[in-house]
Protein backbone atom coordinates (compact mmCIF):
# COMPACT_ATOMS: atom_id res chain seq x y z
CA MET A 1 -338.78 18.52 56.94
CA GLN A 2 -336.73 20.46 59.41
CA LEU A 3 -337.90 22.91 61.95
CA ARG A 4 -335.84 25.92 62.38
CA LEU A 5 -336.18 27.62 65.77
CA SER A 6 -334.46 30.77 66.85
CA TYR A 7 -334.19 31.71 70.31
CA VAL A 8 -332.98 35.02 71.62
CA ALA A 9 -331.29 34.86 74.91
CA LEU A 10 -332.67 37.23 77.32
CA ALA A 11 -330.12 39.54 78.87
CA LEU A 12 -330.83 39.93 82.39
CA GLY A 13 -328.96 42.70 84.05
CA ALA A 14 -329.77 44.48 87.19
CA LEU A 15 -327.80 47.37 88.28
CA LEU A 16 -327.26 47.34 91.93
CA PHE A 17 -326.51 50.60 93.50
CA ALA A 18 -325.06 51.48 96.79
CA ASN A 19 -326.92 49.87 99.61
CA ALA A 20 -329.17 47.99 96.96
CA CYS A 21 -330.60 44.66 97.89
CA GLY A 22 -332.61 43.66 94.69
CA SER A 23 -332.58 40.01 93.46
CA VAL A 24 -332.94 38.28 89.95
CA SER A 25 -335.45 35.51 89.08
CA PRO A 26 -334.40 32.72 86.72
CA MET A 27 -335.46 32.86 82.92
CA ASN A 28 -338.72 31.35 81.87
CA GLY A 29 -341.19 32.11 79.10
CA THR A 30 -341.62 35.75 80.08
CA GLY A 31 -338.93 38.10 81.45
CA THR A 32 -339.50 38.82 85.12
CA ALA A 33 -340.06 42.49 85.93
CA GLY A 34 -337.34 44.13 87.91
CA ASN A 35 -338.01 44.44 91.64
CA GLY A 36 -339.25 47.74 92.83
CA GLY A 37 -336.91 50.63 93.47
CA GLY A 38 -334.31 50.47 96.20
CA HIS A 39 -335.40 50.47 99.78
CA GLY A 40 -335.67 53.92 101.08
CA GLY A 41 -332.44 54.87 102.72
CA THR A 42 -332.63 54.56 106.46
CA THR A 43 -332.82 57.89 107.92
CA GLY A 44 -329.52 58.46 109.49
CA SER A 45 -329.61 58.79 113.11
CA ALA A 46 -329.40 62.26 113.87
CA GLY A 47 -325.90 62.79 114.78
CA LYS A 48 -325.29 65.23 117.15
CA GLY A 49 -326.06 67.93 114.77
CA GLY A 50 -325.62 65.52 111.70
CA THR A 51 -327.65 65.62 108.38
CA THR A 52 -330.42 63.10 107.61
CA GLY A 53 -329.37 60.67 104.82
CA SER A 54 -331.02 60.94 101.36
CA ALA A 55 -333.47 58.23 100.17
CA GLY A 56 -332.07 55.65 97.69
CA THR A 57 -332.90 55.94 93.89
CA THR A 58 -335.67 53.62 92.49
CA GLY A 59 -334.30 50.84 90.20
CA THR A 60 -335.09 50.92 86.41
CA ALA A 61 -337.46 48.17 85.07
CA GLY A 62 -335.93 45.40 82.85
CA THR A 63 -336.51 45.44 79.01
CA THR A 64 -339.15 43.01 77.56
CA GLY A 65 -337.65 40.24 75.36
CA ALA A 66 -338.28 40.42 71.52
CA ALA A 67 -340.82 37.98 70.01
CA GLY A 68 -339.46 35.01 67.92
CA THR A 69 -339.77 35.13 64.07
CA THR A 70 -342.72 33.16 62.54
CA GLY A 71 -341.62 30.09 60.53
CA VAL A 72 -342.06 30.10 56.71
CA ALA A 73 -344.76 27.69 55.38
CA GLY A 74 -343.52 24.72 53.22
CA THR A 75 -344.43 24.44 49.49
CA THR A 76 -347.42 22.19 48.62
CA GLY A 77 -346.42 19.12 46.46
CA VAL A 78 -347.41 18.95 42.78
CA GLY A 79 -350.04 16.27 41.88
CA GLY A 80 -348.83 13.43 39.57
CA VAL A 81 -350.49 12.79 36.23
CA GLY A 82 -353.01 10.00 36.15
CA GLY A 83 -352.04 8.65 39.56
CA THR A 84 -353.65 8.67 43.01
CA THR A 85 -353.79 12.03 44.78
CA GLY A 86 -350.51 12.53 46.66
CA VAL A 87 -350.47 12.99 50.44
CA ALA A 88 -349.51 16.51 51.47
CA GLY A 89 -346.26 16.81 53.39
CA THR A 90 -346.47 17.69 57.09
CA GLY A 91 -346.23 21.39 57.78
CA GLY A 92 -343.28 22.70 59.78
CA THR A 93 -343.85 23.34 63.50
CA THR A 94 -344.19 26.97 64.44
CA GLY A 95 -341.10 28.12 66.30
CA ALA A 96 -341.50 28.59 70.04
CA ALA A 97 -341.72 32.16 71.20
CA GLY A 98 -338.55 33.54 72.80
CA THR A 99 -338.57 33.90 76.54
CA THR A 100 -339.34 37.39 77.75
CA GLY A 101 -336.31 38.95 79.36
CA VAL A 102 -336.35 39.12 83.13
CA ALA A 103 -336.76 42.65 84.45
CA GLY A 104 -333.90 44.03 86.44
CA THR A 105 -334.41 44.13 90.21
CA THR A 106 -335.35 47.50 91.64
CA GLY A 107 -332.56 48.80 93.79
CA SER A 108 -333.24 49.07 97.51
CA ALA A 109 -333.57 52.52 98.89
CA GLY A 110 -330.59 53.74 100.85
CA THR A 111 -330.98 53.66 104.59
CA THR A 112 -331.32 56.98 106.25
CA GLY A 113 -328.24 57.62 108.26
CA ALA A 114 -328.73 57.61 111.92
CA ALA A 115 -328.45 60.94 113.59
CA GLY A 116 -325.20 61.46 115.38
CA ARG A 117 -325.29 62.33 118.92
CA GLY A 118 -325.70 65.97 118.84
CA GLY A 119 -324.55 65.93 115.33
CA THR A 120 -326.43 66.43 112.00
CA THR A 121 -328.91 63.81 110.96
CA GLY A 122 -327.31 61.63 108.34
CA ALA A 123 -328.53 62.00 104.73
CA ALA A 124 -330.98 59.39 103.51
CA GLY A 125 -329.44 56.83 101.26
CA THR A 126 -330.18 57.21 97.49
CA THR A 127 -333.06 55.03 96.12
CA GLY A 128 -331.68 52.22 94.01
CA VAL A 129 -332.17 52.50 90.23
CA ALA A 130 -334.79 50.06 88.95
CA GLY A 131 -333.36 47.23 86.82
CA THR A 132 -334.00 47.43 83.04
CA THR A 133 -336.82 45.12 81.78
CA GLY A 134 -335.39 42.29 79.63
CA SER A 135 -336.17 42.23 75.87
CA ALA A 136 -338.76 39.69 74.68
CA GLY A 137 -337.28 36.61 72.99
CA THR A 138 -337.60 36.38 69.12
CA THR A 139 -340.46 34.14 67.88
CA GLY A 140 -339.08 30.97 66.23
CA VAL A 141 -339.30 30.55 62.45
CA ALA A 142 -342.01 28.09 61.35
CA GLY A 143 -340.78 24.92 59.63
CA THR A 144 -341.30 24.46 55.82
CA THR A 145 -344.50 22.65 54.82
CA GLY A 146 -343.69 19.20 53.33
CA VAL A 147 -343.95 18.70 49.55
CA ALA A 148 -347.08 16.81 48.52
CA GLY A 149 -346.48 13.24 47.22
CA THR A 150 -346.66 12.51 43.46
CA GLY A 151 -350.16 11.65 42.21
CA GLY A 152 -353.13 13.22 40.53
CA THR A 153 -356.72 12.67 39.73
CA GLY A 154 -358.12 9.18 39.14
CA VAL A 155 -358.15 7.36 35.63
CA SER A 156 -360.71 8.86 33.17
CA SER A 157 -359.75 7.21 29.79
CA TYR A 158 -358.25 4.02 28.40
CA LEU A 159 -356.17 3.12 25.33
CA VAL A 160 -357.78 1.08 22.52
CA THR A 161 -355.29 -0.58 20.13
CA VAL A 162 -356.03 -2.23 16.76
CA VAL A 163 -353.60 -4.84 15.42
CA PRO A 164 -353.82 -5.63 11.64
CA ALA A 165 -353.33 -9.35 10.98
CA GLY A 166 -353.39 -11.86 8.13
CA THR A 167 -351.97 -11.96 4.61
CA GLY A 168 -354.26 -9.27 3.18
CA MET A 169 -354.55 -5.53 3.63
CA GLY A 170 -357.24 -3.17 4.82
CA THR A 171 -358.10 -0.34 7.19
CA VAL A 172 -359.93 -0.12 10.52
CA MET A 173 -361.63 3.12 11.58
CA SER A 174 -363.33 4.05 14.85
CA SER A 175 -366.42 5.99 15.81
CA PRO A 176 -365.89 8.23 17.76
CA ALA A 177 -362.91 9.23 15.62
CA GLY A 178 -359.40 8.51 16.78
CA ILE A 179 -358.32 5.27 15.08
CA ASN A 180 -357.55 5.09 11.37
CA CYS A 181 -355.41 1.97 11.09
CA GLY A 182 -353.32 1.81 8.60
CA ALA A 183 -351.80 4.99 9.93
CA THR A 184 -353.09 5.46 13.49
CA CYS A 185 -353.76 2.16 15.24
CA SER A 186 -354.35 3.31 18.84
CA ALA A 187 -356.20 6.09 20.61
CA SER A 188 -357.55 6.93 24.08
CA PHE A 189 -361.30 6.98 24.72
CA ALA A 190 -363.32 8.01 27.79
CA ALA A 191 -363.83 5.28 30.38
CA GLY A 192 -367.18 3.59 29.86
CA SER A 193 -367.60 4.80 26.26
CA MET A 194 -368.67 2.52 23.40
CA VAL A 195 -366.36 2.53 20.37
CA THR A 196 -367.50 1.11 17.01
CA LEU A 197 -364.72 -0.33 14.83
CA THR A 198 -365.26 -0.79 11.07
CA ALA A 199 -362.96 -2.96 8.92
CA THR A 200 -362.64 -2.15 5.19
CA PRO A 201 -360.52 -4.50 3.03
CA SER A 202 -358.26 -3.14 0.31
CA ALA A 203 -358.68 -4.14 -3.32
CA GLY A 204 -357.69 -7.78 -3.67
CA SER A 205 -358.23 -8.54 0.03
CA MET A 206 -361.19 -9.57 2.14
CA PHE A 207 -361.98 -9.11 5.81
CA THR A 208 -361.97 -12.45 7.62
CA SER A 209 -362.54 -11.98 11.35
CA TRP A 210 -362.02 -10.10 14.64
CA SER A 211 -360.17 -11.39 17.65
CA GLY A 212 -359.20 -10.03 21.05
CA ALA A 213 -361.86 -7.71 22.47
CA CYS A 214 -363.99 -8.26 19.32
CA SER A 215 -365.18 -11.44 17.65
CA GLY A 216 -367.07 -12.57 14.57
CA SER A 217 -366.70 -11.97 10.84
CA THR A 218 -368.97 -8.99 10.24
CA ALA A 219 -367.26 -5.78 9.18
CA THR A 220 -368.12 -3.87 12.39
CA CYS A 221 -367.79 -4.52 16.11
CA VAL A 222 -368.46 -2.51 19.29
CA VAL A 223 -366.03 -2.27 22.21
CA THR A 224 -367.04 -1.00 25.66
CA VAL A 225 -363.99 0.79 27.05
CA ASN A 226 -363.58 -0.29 30.67
CA ALA A 227 -359.84 -0.98 30.52
CA ALA A 228 -356.94 -0.85 28.07
CA THR A 229 -358.21 -2.87 25.09
CA SER A 230 -356.63 -4.67 22.10
CA VAL A 231 -358.45 -5.84 18.97
CA ALA A 232 -356.99 -7.80 16.02
CA ALA A 233 -358.52 -7.42 12.52
CA THR A 234 -357.61 -10.22 10.10
CA PHE A 235 -357.53 -9.58 6.34
CA THR A 236 -356.66 -12.24 3.74
CA ILE A 237 -355.65 -11.97 0.08
CA LYS A 238 -358.33 -13.01 -2.37
CA GLN A 239 -357.72 -16.11 -4.41
CA VAL A 240 -358.43 -15.78 -8.15
CA ALA A 241 -359.03 -18.78 -10.40
CA LEU A 242 -357.26 -19.25 -13.73
CA THR A 243 -358.60 -21.89 -16.12
CA VAL A 244 -356.61 -23.10 -19.12
CA THR A 245 -357.82 -25.14 -22.08
CA ALA A 246 -355.27 -26.94 -24.24
CA ALA A 247 -356.99 -27.42 -27.60
CA GLY A 248 -355.08 -29.94 -29.67
CA SER A 249 -351.86 -31.79 -28.92
CA GLY A 250 -349.77 -29.84 -26.46
CA THR A 251 -349.40 -28.77 -22.82
CA VAL A 252 -349.58 -25.49 -20.92
CA THR A 253 -347.66 -24.85 -17.69
CA SER A 254 -347.69 -21.86 -15.35
CA SER A 255 -345.20 -19.84 -13.36
CA PRO A 256 -345.82 -19.61 -10.41
CA ALA A 257 -346.55 -23.32 -10.43
CA GLY A 258 -350.12 -24.57 -10.26
CA ILE A 259 -351.18 -25.33 -13.81
CA SER A 260 -349.90 -28.23 -15.88
CA CYS A 261 -352.54 -28.73 -18.55
CA GLY A 262 -353.02 -31.66 -19.89
CA SER A 263 -353.68 -32.84 -16.33
CA THR A 264 -354.24 -29.83 -14.07
CA CYS A 265 -355.96 -27.08 -16.01
CA MET A 266 -357.26 -24.87 -13.19
CA ALA A 267 -355.54 -23.27 -10.20
CA SER A 268 -356.07 -20.33 -7.87
CA PHE A 269 -353.49 -17.61 -7.28
CA ASN A 270 -353.23 -14.56 -5.03
CA TYR A 271 -355.02 -11.46 -6.30
CA GLY A 272 -352.77 -9.42 -8.56
CA THR A 273 -350.38 -12.27 -9.34
CA VAL A 274 -348.82 -12.12 -12.80
CA VAL A 275 -348.97 -15.68 -14.13
CA THR A 276 -346.78 -16.64 -17.08
CA LEU A 277 -348.22 -19.42 -19.23
CA THR A 278 -346.02 -21.45 -21.56
CA ALA A 279 -347.44 -23.53 -24.42
CA THR A 280 -345.46 -26.56 -25.55
CA PRO A 281 -346.68 -28.46 -28.64
CA THR A 282 -346.00 -32.14 -29.14
CA ALA A 283 -343.55 -33.29 -31.78
CA SER A 284 -346.40 -33.81 -34.26
CA SER A 285 -348.18 -30.50 -33.64
CA THR A 286 -347.70 -26.76 -33.88
CA PHE A 287 -348.77 -24.09 -31.43
CA MET A 288 -351.29 -21.94 -33.22
CA GLY A 289 -351.99 -19.17 -30.69
CA TRP A 290 -353.75 -17.95 -27.53
CA SER A 291 -357.30 -16.76 -27.04
CA GLY A 292 -359.30 -15.58 -24.05
CA ALA A 293 -357.29 -13.66 -21.45
CA CYS A 294 -354.12 -14.19 -23.52
CA SER A 295 -353.44 -13.30 -27.13
CA GLY A 296 -350.80 -13.68 -29.76
CA THR A 297 -348.86 -16.53 -31.28
CA ALA A 298 -345.77 -16.46 -29.07
CA THR A 299 -345.45 -19.60 -26.95
CA THR A 300 -345.63 -17.60 -23.70
CA CYS A 301 -348.14 -15.09 -22.41
CA MET A 302 -348.74 -13.30 -19.11
CA VAL A 303 -352.04 -12.88 -17.28
CA THR A 304 -352.50 -10.44 -14.38
CA LEU A 305 -355.16 -11.97 -12.14
CA THR A 306 -357.61 -9.47 -10.72
CA ASP A 307 -360.68 -11.50 -11.71
CA ALA A 308 -361.29 -15.11 -12.66
CA ALA A 309 -359.82 -15.68 -16.12
CA SER A 310 -359.73 -18.36 -18.78
CA VAL A 311 -357.18 -18.95 -21.52
CA THR A 312 -357.20 -21.27 -24.52
CA ALA A 313 -354.01 -22.51 -26.14
CA THR A 314 -354.61 -23.92 -29.61
CA PHE A 315 -352.34 -26.58 -31.08
CA VAL A 316 -352.69 -27.99 -34.60
CA PRO A 317 -351.04 -30.93 -36.26
CA ALA A 318 -347.75 -29.94 -37.81
CA GLY A 319 -348.22 -28.72 -41.37
CA PRO A 320 -346.64 -26.36 -43.84
CA THR A 321 -345.80 -22.82 -42.80
CA PRO A 322 -348.03 -20.18 -44.41
CA LEU A 323 -346.50 -18.08 -47.17
CA LEU A 324 -348.27 -15.04 -45.73
CA ARG A 325 -349.80 -14.59 -42.30
CA TRP A 326 -351.18 -11.51 -40.54
CA THR A 327 -352.08 -12.19 -36.90
CA PHE A 328 -352.94 -8.53 -36.14
CA ASP A 329 -351.62 -8.91 -32.59
CA GLY A 330 -350.77 -5.26 -32.27
CA THR A 331 -348.87 -5.38 -35.53
CA ASN A 332 -349.74 -5.66 -39.22
CA THR A 333 -346.47 -7.31 -40.22
CA ASN A 334 -346.51 -10.47 -42.29
CA SER A 335 -345.24 -13.39 -40.18
CA GLY A 336 -345.30 -15.95 -43.02
CA SER A 337 -342.30 -17.48 -44.76
CA SER A 338 -342.29 -14.84 -47.55
CA ALA A 339 -340.51 -11.78 -46.23
CA GLY A 340 -342.17 -8.37 -46.16
CA TYR A 341 -345.70 -7.61 -47.33
CA PRO A 342 -347.09 -5.72 -44.32
CA VAL A 343 -350.70 -4.52 -44.23
CA THR A 344 -351.18 -0.76 -44.45
CA LEU A 345 -354.36 0.33 -42.63
CA ASN A 346 -356.54 3.13 -43.97
CA GLY A 347 -359.67 4.86 -42.73
CA SER A 348 -361.06 4.13 -39.26
CA THR A 349 -359.46 0.99 -37.80
CA SER A 350 -358.56 -0.22 -34.29
CA TYR A 351 -357.23 -3.28 -32.47
CA VAL A 352 -359.79 -5.36 -30.55
CA ALA A 353 -359.96 -8.77 -28.91
CA GLY A 354 -360.00 -11.33 -31.68
CA LYS A 355 -360.52 -15.03 -32.16
CA ILE A 356 -356.82 -15.71 -31.66
CA GLY A 357 -355.20 -12.81 -29.87
CA GLN A 358 -356.05 -9.42 -31.32
CA ALA A 359 -358.00 -8.51 -34.42
CA ILE A 360 -358.56 -5.44 -36.59
CA ASN A 361 -361.90 -3.67 -36.33
CA PHE A 362 -362.79 -1.86 -39.55
CA ALA A 363 -365.14 1.09 -39.05
CA ALA A 364 -366.16 3.93 -41.38
CA GLY A 365 -363.96 3.91 -44.49
CA GLY A 366 -361.61 1.34 -42.98
CA TYR A 367 -359.62 -1.19 -45.02
CA GLY A 368 -356.14 -2.64 -45.32
CA VAL A 369 -353.95 -3.02 -48.38
CA VAL A 370 -350.90 -5.23 -49.07
CA PRO A 371 -348.94 -4.15 -52.17
CA GLY A 372 -346.77 -6.50 -54.24
CA THR A 373 -348.66 -9.76 -53.63
CA ARG A 374 -348.75 -10.78 -57.34
CA SER A 375 -345.27 -12.32 -57.13
CA VAL A 376 -346.43 -14.56 -54.26
CA LEU A 377 -349.87 -15.51 -55.56
CA THR A 378 -348.79 -16.47 -59.11
CA ALA A 379 -345.83 -18.62 -58.08
CA SER A 380 -347.67 -21.77 -56.95
CA ALA A 381 -350.26 -24.12 -58.39
CA GLN A 382 -352.38 -24.56 -55.24
CA TYR A 383 -353.61 -22.27 -52.49
CA THR A 384 -355.55 -22.46 -49.23
CA ILE A 385 -356.60 -19.06 -47.88
CA SER A 386 -358.02 -18.84 -44.34
CA LEU A 387 -359.36 -15.87 -42.37
CA TRP A 388 -361.54 -15.34 -39.29
CA VAL A 389 -364.40 -12.84 -39.63
CA ASN A 390 -366.90 -11.30 -37.23
CA LEU A 391 -369.67 -9.24 -38.83
CA THR A 392 -371.49 -6.50 -36.96
CA ALA A 393 -375.09 -5.41 -37.41
CA SER A 394 -373.87 -2.33 -39.28
CA VAL A 395 -371.85 -4.15 -41.93
CA GLY A 396 -372.21 -2.51 -45.32
CA SER A 397 -373.63 -3.87 -48.55
CA SER A 398 -371.90 -4.35 -51.90
CA VAL A 399 -368.46 -4.18 -50.31
CA ALA A 400 -365.46 -6.45 -50.87
CA PHE A 401 -363.42 -7.65 -47.88
CA PHE A 402 -360.89 -9.96 -49.54
CA ASP A 403 -359.94 -8.83 -53.02
CA PHE A 404 -357.20 -9.34 -55.57
CA ASN A 405 -359.51 -9.75 -58.55
CA ASN A 406 -359.11 -8.01 -61.89
CA ARG A 407 -362.42 -8.10 -63.70
CA SER A 408 -362.42 -4.91 -65.69
CA THR A 409 -359.79 -5.44 -68.36
CA ALA A 410 -357.99 -8.43 -69.78
CA PRO A 411 -356.04 -10.38 -68.82
CA TYR A 412 -358.37 -11.27 -66.04
CA GLY A 413 -357.77 -13.30 -62.94
CA GLY A 414 -358.04 -13.53 -59.18
CA ILE A 415 -360.69 -13.87 -56.45
CA GLN A 416 -362.93 -11.44 -54.61
CA LEU A 417 -365.10 -12.11 -51.54
CA GLY A 418 -367.80 -9.53 -50.84
CA ILE A 419 -370.96 -8.80 -48.90
CA SER A 420 -373.90 -8.19 -51.18
CA SER A 421 -376.51 -7.72 -48.43
CA ALA A 422 -375.71 -9.30 -45.08
CA PRO A 423 -375.79 -12.12 -44.42
CA GLN A 424 -375.64 -12.74 -48.17
CA MET A 425 -372.15 -12.89 -49.67
CA SER A 426 -370.76 -13.35 -53.15
CA ILE A 427 -367.59 -14.70 -54.75
CA CYS A 428 -366.19 -13.38 -58.01
CA VAL A 429 -363.58 -15.59 -59.76
CA ALA A 430 -361.78 -14.86 -63.03
CA THR A 431 -359.13 -16.54 -65.18
CA SER A 432 -357.06 -15.23 -68.07
CA SER A 433 -359.81 -16.04 -70.61
CA ASN A 434 -363.04 -15.17 -68.84
CA SER A 435 -363.87 -12.13 -66.74
CA PHE A 436 -366.07 -14.24 -64.41
CA LEU A 437 -366.26 -17.96 -64.05
CA THR A 438 -369.85 -19.08 -64.60
CA GLY A 439 -370.46 -15.65 -66.10
CA SER A 440 -371.31 -13.94 -62.80
CA CYS A 441 -370.46 -13.61 -59.12
CA PRO A 442 -372.56 -16.34 -57.49
CA GLY A 443 -373.94 -15.71 -54.02
CA PHE A 444 -374.22 -17.78 -50.84
CA THR A 445 -375.35 -17.31 -47.24
CA GLY A 446 -372.53 -15.99 -45.16
CA PRO A 447 -371.87 -16.48 -41.45
CA ALA A 448 -374.18 -15.04 -38.82
CA SER A 449 -373.18 -11.71 -37.31
CA GLY A 450 -371.97 -11.22 -33.75
CA ALA A 451 -369.60 -14.20 -33.54
CA TRP A 452 -366.29 -15.39 -34.94
CA HIS A 453 -366.39 -17.70 -37.95
CA ASN A 454 -363.69 -19.19 -40.13
CA MET A 455 -363.77 -18.84 -43.92
CA ILE A 456 -361.52 -20.87 -46.24
CA LEU A 457 -360.95 -20.52 -50.00
CA ARG A 458 -359.40 -23.62 -51.58
CA TYR A 459 -357.87 -23.66 -55.09
CA ALA A 460 -356.34 -26.96 -56.23
CA GLY A 461 -354.67 -26.25 -59.61
CA THR A 462 -352.18 -28.65 -61.13
CA GLY A 463 -349.73 -25.99 -62.37
CA THR A 464 -349.29 -22.35 -63.22
CA GLY A 465 -349.64 -22.65 -66.99
CA ALA A 466 -352.62 -22.69 -69.34
CA GLY A 467 -354.85 -25.74 -68.88
CA GLN A 468 -353.62 -26.32 -65.32
CA GLY A 469 -356.22 -24.32 -63.46
CA ALA A 470 -359.03 -25.43 -61.12
CA GLY A 471 -362.25 -24.29 -59.58
CA VAL A 472 -362.59 -22.46 -56.22
CA ASP A 473 -364.39 -23.83 -53.11
CA VAL A 474 -365.74 -21.71 -50.23
CA TYR A 475 -365.95 -23.17 -46.68
CA ILE A 476 -367.53 -21.59 -43.62
CA ASP A 477 -366.45 -23.25 -40.35
CA ASP A 478 -365.05 -26.12 -42.46
CA VAL A 479 -368.41 -26.70 -44.15
CA LEU A 480 -368.46 -26.37 -47.97
CA VAL A 481 -371.00 -23.67 -48.90
CA LYS A 482 -370.10 -22.80 -52.51
CA SER A 483 -368.10 -24.22 -55.42
CA VAL A 484 -367.19 -22.22 -58.52
CA ALA A 485 -366.13 -24.33 -61.51
CA ASN A 486 -363.13 -23.38 -63.66
CA ASP A 487 -363.48 -22.44 -67.31
CA ALA A 488 -363.39 -24.95 -70.11
CA SER A 489 -359.72 -24.29 -70.71
CA ASN A 490 -358.82 -24.88 -67.06
CA ASN A 491 -356.81 -21.69 -66.98
CA PRO A 492 -355.22 -20.69 -63.68
CA VAL A 493 -357.00 -18.25 -61.38
CA PHE A 494 -353.80 -16.88 -59.88
CA ASN A 495 -352.07 -15.65 -63.03
CA ALA A 496 -350.05 -12.70 -64.11
CA GLY A 497 -353.18 -10.73 -64.85
CA ILE A 498 -354.26 -10.40 -61.22
CA PRO A 499 -353.74 -7.05 -59.47
CA ASP A 500 -350.55 -6.35 -57.58
CA GLN A 501 -352.40 -5.33 -54.42
CA LEU A 502 -354.43 -7.39 -51.95
CA TYR A 503 -357.28 -5.64 -50.09
CA ILE A 504 -358.40 -6.91 -46.67
CA GLY A 505 -361.38 -5.77 -44.57
CA ALA A 506 -364.43 -3.55 -44.93
CA PRO A 507 -366.50 -1.27 -42.64
CA GLY A 508 -368.69 -3.13 -40.14
CA MET A 509 -366.53 -6.20 -39.64
CA MET A 510 -363.55 -7.53 -37.66
CA VAL A 511 -360.85 -9.67 -39.25
CA ASP A 512 -358.30 -11.91 -37.53
CA ASP A 513 -355.45 -14.29 -38.45
CA VAL A 514 -355.34 -14.17 -42.26
CA ARG A 515 -353.24 -17.03 -43.75
CA VAL A 516 -352.21 -17.92 -47.30
CA TYR A 517 -350.78 -21.44 -47.84
CA ASN A 518 -349.30 -22.71 -51.14
CA SER A 519 -350.91 -26.12 -50.70
CA VAL A 520 -354.33 -27.66 -50.13
CA PHE A 521 -355.61 -29.73 -47.21
CA THR A 522 -358.26 -32.33 -46.62
CA VAL A 523 -361.36 -31.23 -44.79
CA ALA A 524 -360.11 -32.98 -41.64
CA ASN A 525 -356.73 -31.22 -41.84
CA GLN A 526 -358.41 -27.91 -42.53
CA CYS A 527 -360.22 -28.42 -39.21
CA THR A 528 -357.20 -29.43 -37.14
CA GLN A 529 -354.19 -27.77 -38.81
CA ILE A 530 -355.68 -24.48 -40.00
CA ILE A 531 -358.77 -23.84 -37.88
CA GLY A 532 -357.35 -25.48 -34.76
CA GLY A 533 -360.58 -27.34 -34.09
CA THR A 534 -361.41 -30.96 -33.38
CA TRP A 535 -362.40 -33.31 -36.18
CA ASN A 536 -364.81 -36.05 -35.17
CA GLY A 537 -364.71 -37.88 -38.48
CA THR A 538 -367.57 -36.04 -40.12
CA SER A 539 -367.51 -32.45 -38.82
CA CYS A 540 -365.29 -29.86 -37.20
CA THR A 541 -365.75 -28.40 -33.73
CA LEU A 542 -364.33 -24.89 -33.62
CA PRO A 543 -361.79 -23.95 -30.93
């Protein structure tokens, strides 16, 4: 800060007139007044007859000095944000007042002339003019007030910061509001306030623990805000278990790695992981299909793990390929060795989880039909027909669910499975010479409702000509429940007289994996190669 002072010099002037004898004082704070008027002129001696001299003129007073200008005040400094209050700058010093001008000295009066001898008295001398009073000095300008130092009020809030950590995901919110992390992970709160933080894991993650200014594993914590604070919230990805069963001779491996079943049949994976399973049969077996969280008959399947899941891969000993096979895994196309012959669905039908992959659910008026099957079913001497069924409580009565039987006009032939009154079933068998073998459609107790069961029809003829026929056996879960003897002539069941269309399904039931083989199997091979179960020497355990 600078002080600016102005001084006005005081002009001191005293006019001295004739015969004046005034004097001048030196300058100081106030101008000195001029001395009084000039001394009166000395009366001239009367000359002989001379005139008396005039008195001297009084001197003029000196002018008073002008006052000094007042200094301008300095600007006050601006306070800084969040800091300590700044110190105000020092104000400028007020300028010193100018010195008052010294008054001019009053002139001395003229001396009266002495009278001449016999003359006229001399005129009095003129009174000296008073000196002019000096002007007052100008007041000095005040110095500028110093700018206040940077600063402000004291601290009133602190920053709270949340740091997400771990392999999982989630959000942390505060009360009072301010933090919503995810998006906003820091906010300022009043000093001394209590902030509650709540951790919420995302789907597939779990909250593990707090660290930093919080601790523990509960979902909430409370922070007292006395300083800048940091809290870490740790989330981890959930681990989901996948269990695989390899039924039969084969292995199942996973990608990502973890499962190699045979040996390791359970592993945990991160939530949401898509695991690809690959089934590999041994040289002496065939992969039959998936069940559980996987479906279909392809050797690979994919499982998206959001909950614990289990998958069964069924392998059967290598055997002949079916002539006709409908897996119903989202398609009704025949996957057997005979080309074509798809199933056309009618009425109310839908795909549902089946025994092996998907199945067809037949509701009101639902059924499937396969035209042109006569050429397949009359070409061979032996047949094994397998299908999985699941009856509901609303299954109808007197309905056929597997039918290519012609029993109304000759030539007769074929087989029909039907439900007479659940759980009672019937089988109608005809040859070319008899509308029904045994003269009727014998009944038997069918499988219990509400679960999947396997049904097999086995026909072991010796040829396709007259006299080469055989009876028909019915198995439920590889247990023989009914045998229908052939006629006396041993005529074939599958002959040219059977209808050209095969009907599958009826309202109130689900059907899965229908197969038609042109050969017959032992009971043990029916269990392992067709059903995919385990044969213990006397009975079959279903897959």
